[in-house]
Amino acid sequence: MFVRRHESLADENFLLTAFKILLESGYNSKHVALEMPSIADTEVTDFAISENRIILTFDGDYGTLIFKFGYRPPRVVYFRLTNITPDEPAHILINLLKEAYQFEAMHTVFENDKIRQRRIL
């Protein structure tokens, strides 16, 4: 089982196939579309803060919330990928967590050819 810092909150746009793989792999994960559909990104952020969860998203707006408006979620993983299979985001995340990749206090952007991180201050 994964430690608390690896609990996740999948945004509405996060692929359900990838979400289900995370659950089957033992992650404590929640999906916005299944539990609280149509809430605003600010509400997603507030929920992630209250439960200390990684936000998993395909939405670039979280960077704006963090770096322009001062929101401070514990971690955001933004998948900016093209031409992927529905399961790919889950496998990317699982592999990086197995390698002890650090997401704490970071806004992480996965692109097809690179990973970028910026500290959430």
N, C-alpha and C. Protein backbone atom coordinates (compact mmCIF):
# COMPACT_ATOMS: atom_id res chain seq x y z
N MET A 1 0.84 -1.18 0.00
CA MET A 1 0.00 0.00 0.00
C MET A 1 0.88 1.24 0.00
N PHE A 2 0.42 2.30 -0.61
CA PHE A 2 1.19 3.53 -0.75
C PHE A 2 0.97 4.43 0.46
N VAL A 3 1.98 5.19 0.80
CA VAL A 3 1.85 6.10 1.93
C VAL A 3 0.94 7.27 1.58
N ARG A 4 0.52 7.99 2.57
CA ARG A 4 -0.46 9.05 2.39
C ARG A 4 -0.07 10.07 1.33
N ARG A 5 1.20 10.38 1.18
CA ARG A 5 1.59 11.40 0.22
C ARG A 5 1.29 11.00 -1.23
N HIS A 6 0.92 9.75 -1.45
CA HIS A 6 0.60 9.28 -2.80
C HIS A 6 -0.89 9.13 -3.04
N GLU A 7 -1.69 9.63 -2.14
CA GLU A 7 -3.12 9.63 -2.39
C GLU A 7 -3.41 10.67 -3.46
N SER A 8 -4.34 10.34 -4.35
CA SER A 8 -4.56 11.24 -5.48
C SER A 8 -6.03 11.63 -5.62
N LEU A 9 -6.20 12.73 -6.34
CA LEU A 9 -7.51 13.23 -6.73
C LEU A 9 -7.46 13.47 -8.22
N ALA A 10 -8.13 12.61 -8.97
CA ALA A 10 -8.16 12.73 -10.42
C ALA A 10 -9.21 13.76 -10.82
N ASP A 11 -8.78 14.75 -11.58
CA ASP A 11 -9.69 15.78 -12.08
C ASP A 11 -10.70 15.13 -13.03
N GLU A 12 -11.77 15.86 -13.34
CA GLU A 12 -12.82 15.31 -14.22
C GLU A 12 -12.28 14.84 -15.56
N ASN A 13 -11.25 15.50 -16.05
CA ASN A 13 -10.73 15.15 -17.37
C ASN A 13 -9.71 14.02 -17.35
N PHE A 14 -9.36 13.52 -16.17
CA PHE A 14 -8.41 12.43 -16.08
C PHE A 14 -9.09 11.15 -16.54
N LEU A 15 -8.45 10.43 -17.41
CA LEU A 15 -9.04 9.26 -18.05
C LEU A 15 -9.47 8.20 -17.04
N LEU A 16 -10.72 7.75 -17.15
CA LEU A 16 -11.24 6.76 -16.21
C LEU A 16 -10.47 5.44 -16.27
N THR A 17 -10.00 5.06 -17.44
CA THR A 17 -9.21 3.83 -17.55
C THR A 17 -7.95 3.95 -16.69
N ALA A 18 -7.27 5.07 -16.77
CA ALA A 18 -6.06 5.28 -15.97
C ALA A 18 -6.40 5.32 -14.48
N PHE A 19 -7.50 5.97 -14.14
CA PHE A 19 -7.94 6.03 -12.75
C PHE A 19 -8.18 4.62 -12.19
N LYS A 20 -8.86 3.78 -12.95
CA LYS A 20 -9.16 2.42 -12.51
C LYS A 20 -7.88 1.61 -12.31
N ILE A 21 -6.89 1.83 -13.16
CA ILE A 21 -5.60 1.15 -13.01
C ILE A 21 -4.93 1.57 -11.69
N LEU A 22 -5.01 2.85 -11.37
CA LEU A 22 -4.45 3.32 -10.10
C LEU A 22 -5.13 2.63 -8.93
N LEU A 23 -6.46 2.55 -8.97
CA LEU A 23 -7.19 1.87 -7.90
C LEU A 23 -6.78 0.40 -7.79
N GLU A 24 -6.72 -0.27 -8.93
CA GLU A 24 -6.35 -1.69 -8.95
C GLU A 24 -4.91 -1.91 -8.49
N SER A 25 -4.08 -0.89 -8.59
CA SER A 25 -2.68 -0.98 -8.18
C SER A 25 -2.49 -0.62 -6.71
N GLY A 26 -3.58 -0.34 -6.01
CA GLY A 26 -3.51 -0.09 -4.58
C GLY A 26 -3.46 1.37 -4.17
N TYR A 27 -3.64 2.28 -5.11
CA TYR A 27 -3.64 3.70 -4.77
C TYR A 27 -4.96 4.08 -4.13
N ASN A 28 -4.89 4.97 -3.17
CA ASN A 28 -6.08 5.57 -2.58
C ASN A 28 -6.38 6.78 -3.45
N SER A 29 -7.28 6.63 -4.38
CA SER A 29 -7.55 7.68 -5.35
C SER A 29 -9.04 7.96 -5.42
N LYS A 30 -9.35 9.22 -5.66
CA LYS A 30 -10.74 9.65 -5.87
C LYS A 30 -10.81 10.33 -7.23
N HIS A 31 -11.97 10.25 -7.86
CA HIS A 31 -12.16 10.88 -9.17
C HIS A 31 -13.29 11.90 -9.06
N VAL A 32 -12.99 13.14 -9.45
CA VAL A 32 -13.96 14.23 -9.35
C VAL A 32 -15.25 13.88 -10.08
N ALA A 33 -15.16 13.33 -11.28
CA ALA A 33 -16.36 13.03 -12.07
C ALA A 33 -17.27 12.03 -11.38
N LEU A 34 -16.71 11.16 -10.57
CA LEU A 34 -17.51 10.13 -9.90
C LEU A 34 -18.03 10.57 -8.54
N GLU A 35 -17.31 11.48 -7.88
CA GLU A 35 -17.67 11.84 -6.51
C GLU A 35 -18.24 13.24 -6.35
N MET A 36 -17.82 14.16 -7.20
CA MET A 36 -18.28 15.55 -7.07
C MET A 36 -18.24 16.23 -8.44
N PRO A 37 -19.04 15.73 -9.38
CA PRO A 37 -18.97 16.24 -10.75
C PRO A 37 -19.27 17.73 -10.87
N SER A 38 -18.62 18.33 -11.84
CA SER A 38 -18.86 19.73 -12.24
C SER A 38 -18.43 20.77 -11.21
N ILE A 39 -17.55 20.40 -10.27
CA ILE A 39 -17.07 21.43 -9.36
C ILE A 39 -15.96 22.21 -10.05
N ALA A 40 -15.74 23.43 -9.61
CA ALA A 40 -14.73 24.31 -10.20
C ALA A 40 -13.32 23.86 -9.81
N ASP A 41 -12.35 24.26 -10.60
CA ASP A 41 -10.95 23.92 -10.31
C ASP A 41 -10.53 24.42 -8.93
N THR A 42 -11.05 25.56 -8.52
CA THR A 42 -10.71 26.06 -7.18
C THR A 42 -11.23 25.12 -6.09
N GLU A 43 -12.40 24.54 -6.32
CA GLU A 43 -12.96 23.59 -5.35
C GLU A 43 -12.17 22.28 -5.36
N VAL A 44 -11.73 21.86 -6.53
CA VAL A 44 -10.87 20.67 -6.62
C VAL A 44 -9.60 20.93 -5.82
N THR A 45 -9.02 22.11 -6.00
CA THR A 45 -7.80 22.47 -5.29
C THR A 45 -8.03 22.48 -3.78
N ASP A 46 -9.11 23.08 -3.35
CA ASP A 46 -9.43 23.12 -1.91
C ASP A 46 -9.58 21.71 -1.34
N PHE A 47 -10.24 20.83 -2.09
CA PHE A 47 -10.42 19.45 -1.64
C PHE A 47 -9.07 18.74 -1.56
N ALA A 48 -8.22 18.94 -2.56
CA ALA A 48 -6.89 18.31 -2.55
C ALA A 48 -6.08 18.80 -1.35
N ILE A 49 -6.20 20.08 -1.04
CA ILE A 49 -5.49 20.62 0.13
C ILE A 49 -6.03 19.98 1.41
N SER A 50 -7.34 19.90 1.54
CA SER A 50 -7.94 19.38 2.77
C SER A 50 -7.61 17.91 3.01
N GLU A 51 -7.41 17.15 1.93
CA GLU A 51 -7.11 15.72 2.07
C GLU A 51 -5.67 15.37 1.70
N ASN A 52 -4.85 16.39 1.46
CA ASN A 52 -3.44 16.21 1.12
C ASN A 52 -3.26 15.22 -0.04
N ARG A 53 -3.92 15.52 -1.14
CA ARG A 53 -3.90 14.63 -2.31
C ARG A 53 -3.18 15.27 -3.49
N ILE A 54 -2.57 14.43 -4.31
CA ILE A 54 -1.99 14.84 -5.58
C ILE A 54 -3.14 15.09 -6.55
N ILE A 55 -3.16 16.23 -7.22
CA ILE A 55 -4.15 16.47 -8.27
C ILE A 55 -3.59 15.91 -9.57
N LEU A 56 -4.34 15.02 -10.19
CA LEU A 56 -3.97 14.46 -11.49
C LEU A 56 -4.89 15.09 -12.53
N THR A 57 -4.32 15.70 -13.56
CA THR A 57 -5.16 16.46 -14.48
C THR A 57 -4.58 16.54 -15.89
N PHE A 58 -5.45 16.81 -16.82
CA PHE A 58 -5.06 17.16 -18.19
C PHE A 58 -5.37 18.64 -18.44
N ASP A 59 -5.61 19.39 -17.37
CA ASP A 59 -6.04 20.79 -17.42
C ASP A 59 -4.89 21.71 -16.98
N GLY A 60 -4.45 22.57 -17.88
CA GLY A 60 -3.36 23.49 -17.59
C GLY A 60 -3.74 24.64 -16.68
N ASP A 61 -5.02 24.78 -16.35
CA ASP A 61 -5.46 25.90 -15.52
C ASP A 61 -4.91 25.85 -14.09
N TYR A 62 -4.49 24.68 -13.63
CA TYR A 62 -3.97 24.61 -12.27
C TYR A 62 -2.67 25.40 -12.13
N GLY A 63 -1.87 25.46 -13.16
CA GLY A 63 -0.67 26.29 -13.13
C GLY A 63 -1.01 27.75 -12.91
N THR A 64 -2.08 28.23 -13.56
CA THR A 64 -2.53 29.60 -13.38
C THR A 64 -3.02 29.82 -11.95
N LEU A 65 -3.79 28.88 -11.43
CA LEU A 65 -4.27 29.01 -10.05
C LEU A 65 -3.11 29.09 -9.06
N ILE A 66 -2.09 28.29 -9.30
CA ILE A 66 -0.96 28.25 -8.38
C ILE A 66 -0.07 29.48 -8.53
N PHE A 67 0.40 29.74 -9.74
CA PHE A 67 1.45 30.74 -9.93
C PHE A 67 0.92 32.16 -10.15
N LYS A 68 -0.34 32.30 -10.47
CA LYS A 68 -0.90 33.63 -10.63
C LYS A 68 -1.79 34.04 -9.45
N PHE A 69 -2.58 33.08 -8.94
CA PHE A 69 -3.55 33.41 -7.91
C PHE A 69 -3.19 32.88 -6.52
N GLY A 70 -2.06 32.19 -6.39
CA GLY A 70 -1.56 31.82 -5.07
C GLY A 70 -2.15 30.60 -4.41
N TYR A 71 -2.88 29.76 -5.14
CA TYR A 71 -3.37 28.50 -4.55
C TYR A 71 -2.18 27.60 -4.26
N ARG A 72 -2.28 26.80 -3.21
CA ARG A 72 -1.16 25.97 -2.79
C ARG A 72 -1.57 24.52 -2.55
N PRO A 73 -1.98 23.82 -3.61
CA PRO A 73 -2.25 22.38 -3.42
C PRO A 73 -0.93 21.67 -3.10
N PRO A 74 -1.00 20.54 -2.43
CA PRO A 74 0.24 19.85 -2.05
C PRO A 74 1.08 19.41 -3.24
N ARG A 75 0.41 18.98 -4.33
CA ARG A 75 1.10 18.49 -5.52
C ARG A 75 0.12 18.51 -6.68
N VAL A 76 0.63 18.83 -7.87
CA VAL A 76 -0.19 18.75 -9.09
C VAL A 76 0.62 18.03 -10.14
N VAL A 77 0.00 17.06 -10.78
CA VAL A 77 0.62 16.37 -11.91
C VAL A 77 -0.27 16.64 -13.12
N TYR A 78 0.28 17.42 -14.05
CA TYR A 78 -0.42 17.85 -15.25
C TYR A 78 0.10 17.03 -16.42
N PHE A 79 -0.76 16.22 -17.01
CA PHE A 79 -0.41 15.39 -18.16
C PHE A 79 -0.70 16.18 -19.42
N ARG A 80 0.35 16.62 -20.06
CA ARG A 80 0.24 17.38 -21.32
C ARG A 80 0.77 16.48 -22.43
N LEU A 81 0.04 15.40 -22.64
CA LEU A 81 0.47 14.34 -23.55
C LEU A 81 -0.43 14.30 -24.78
N THR A 82 0.14 13.89 -25.90
CA THR A 82 -0.64 13.71 -27.12
C THR A 82 -0.49 12.29 -27.61
N ASN A 83 -1.51 11.82 -28.30
CA ASN A 83 -1.49 10.48 -28.91
C ASN A 83 -1.12 9.39 -27.90
N ILE A 84 -1.89 9.31 -26.84
CA ILE A 84 -1.62 8.32 -25.80
C ILE A 84 -2.78 7.34 -25.71
N THR A 85 -2.52 6.21 -25.09
CA THR A 85 -3.57 5.24 -24.81
C THR A 85 -4.22 5.62 -23.48
N PRO A 86 -5.45 5.19 -23.25
CA PRO A 86 -6.15 5.56 -22.02
C PRO A 86 -5.48 5.09 -20.73
N ASP A 87 -4.64 4.07 -20.81
CA ASP A 87 -3.98 3.56 -19.61
C ASP A 87 -2.61 4.20 -19.35
N GLU A 88 -2.06 4.87 -20.33
CA GLU A 88 -0.69 5.39 -20.25
C GLU A 88 -0.42 6.33 -19.07
N PRO A 89 -1.30 7.29 -18.75
CA PRO A 89 -1.00 8.16 -17.61
C PRO A 89 -0.80 7.39 -16.31
N ALA A 90 -1.59 6.37 -16.08
CA ALA A 90 -1.45 5.58 -14.86
C ALA A 90 -0.09 4.89 -14.82
N HIS A 91 0.32 4.30 -15.91
CA HIS A 91 1.59 3.58 -15.94
C HIS A 91 2.77 4.53 -15.76
N ILE A 92 2.69 5.71 -16.35
CA ILE A 92 3.74 6.71 -16.17
C ILE A 92 3.87 7.07 -14.69
N LEU A 93 2.75 7.38 -14.06
CA LEU A 93 2.76 7.78 -12.66
C LEU A 93 3.25 6.65 -11.75
N ILE A 94 2.74 5.47 -11.95
CA ILE A 94 3.14 4.32 -11.13
C ILE A 94 4.65 4.08 -11.24
N ASN A 95 5.17 4.10 -12.45
CA ASN A 95 6.61 3.87 -12.63
C ASN A 95 7.45 4.94 -11.94
N LEU A 96 7.04 6.19 -12.04
CA LEU A 96 7.80 7.26 -11.39
C LEU A 96 7.73 7.17 -9.87
N LEU A 97 6.59 6.79 -9.34
CA LEU A 97 6.48 6.63 -7.89
C LEU A 97 7.31 5.45 -7.40
N LYS A 98 7.38 4.40 -8.18
CA LYS A 98 8.23 3.26 -7.81
C LYS A 98 9.70 3.66 -7.77
N GLU A 99 10.07 4.62 -8.62
CA GLU A 99 11.44 5.11 -8.66
C GLU A 99 11.66 6.22 -7.63
N ALA A 100 10.68 6.47 -6.77
CA ALA A 100 10.74 7.49 -5.72
C ALA A 100 10.88 8.90 -6.28
N TYR A 101 10.27 9.15 -7.43
CA TYR A 101 10.26 10.49 -8.02
C TYR A 101 9.54 11.42 -7.07
N GLN A 102 10.05 12.60 -6.86
CA GLN A 102 9.50 13.54 -5.89
C GLN A 102 8.47 14.48 -6.50
N PHE A 103 7.28 14.48 -5.92
CA PHE A 103 6.20 15.36 -6.36
C PHE A 103 5.82 16.37 -5.29
N GLU A 104 6.32 16.19 -4.07
CA GLU A 104 5.94 17.03 -2.94
C GLU A 104 6.19 18.51 -3.23
N ALA A 105 5.15 19.32 -3.06
CA ALA A 105 5.20 20.78 -3.27
C ALA A 105 5.67 21.14 -4.67
N MET A 106 5.29 20.32 -5.66
CA MET A 106 5.71 20.56 -7.03
C MET A 106 4.51 20.56 -7.98
N HIS A 107 4.61 21.41 -9.00
CA HIS A 107 3.71 21.37 -10.14
C HIS A 107 4.50 20.66 -11.23
N THR A 108 4.12 19.45 -11.53
CA THR A 108 4.85 18.60 -12.47
C THR A 108 4.08 18.52 -13.78
N VAL A 109 4.78 18.72 -14.87
CA VAL A 109 4.17 18.66 -16.20
C VAL A 109 4.82 17.51 -16.97
N PHE A 110 4.01 16.53 -17.34
CA PHE A 110 4.47 15.43 -18.19
C PHE A 110 4.15 15.76 -19.62
N GLU A 111 5.17 15.81 -20.46
CA GLU A 111 4.98 15.95 -21.89
C GLU A 111 5.51 14.68 -22.54
N ASN A 112 5.24 14.49 -23.81
CA ASN A 112 5.66 13.26 -24.47
C ASN A 112 7.17 13.03 -24.40
N ASP A 113 7.93 14.12 -24.43
CA ASP A 113 9.38 13.97 -24.50
C ASP A 113 10.14 14.50 -23.30
N LYS A 114 9.42 14.99 -22.27
CA LYS A 114 10.13 15.52 -21.09
C LYS A 114 9.20 15.67 -19.90
N ILE A 115 9.82 15.87 -18.74
CA ILE A 115 9.11 16.16 -17.51
C ILE A 115 9.67 17.47 -16.97
N ARG A 116 8.77 18.40 -16.64
CA ARG A 116 9.20 19.67 -16.05
C ARG A 116 8.57 19.81 -14.68
N GLN A 117 9.30 20.42 -13.76
CA GLN A 117 8.74 20.66 -12.43
C GLN A 117 9.04 22.09 -12.01
N ARG A 118 8.09 22.64 -11.26
CA ARG A 118 8.27 23.96 -10.67
C ARG A 118 7.72 23.89 -9.26
N ARG A 119 8.50 24.40 -8.32
CA ARG A 119 8.12 24.34 -6.91
C ARG A 119 6.89 25.21 -6.65
N ILE A 120 5.97 24.66 -5.85
CA ILE A 120 4.81 25.41 -5.38
C ILE A 120 5.24 26.04 -4.05
N LEU A 121 5.35 27.34 -4.03
CA LEU A 121 5.83 28.04 -2.82
C LEU A 121 4.71 28.54 -1.97
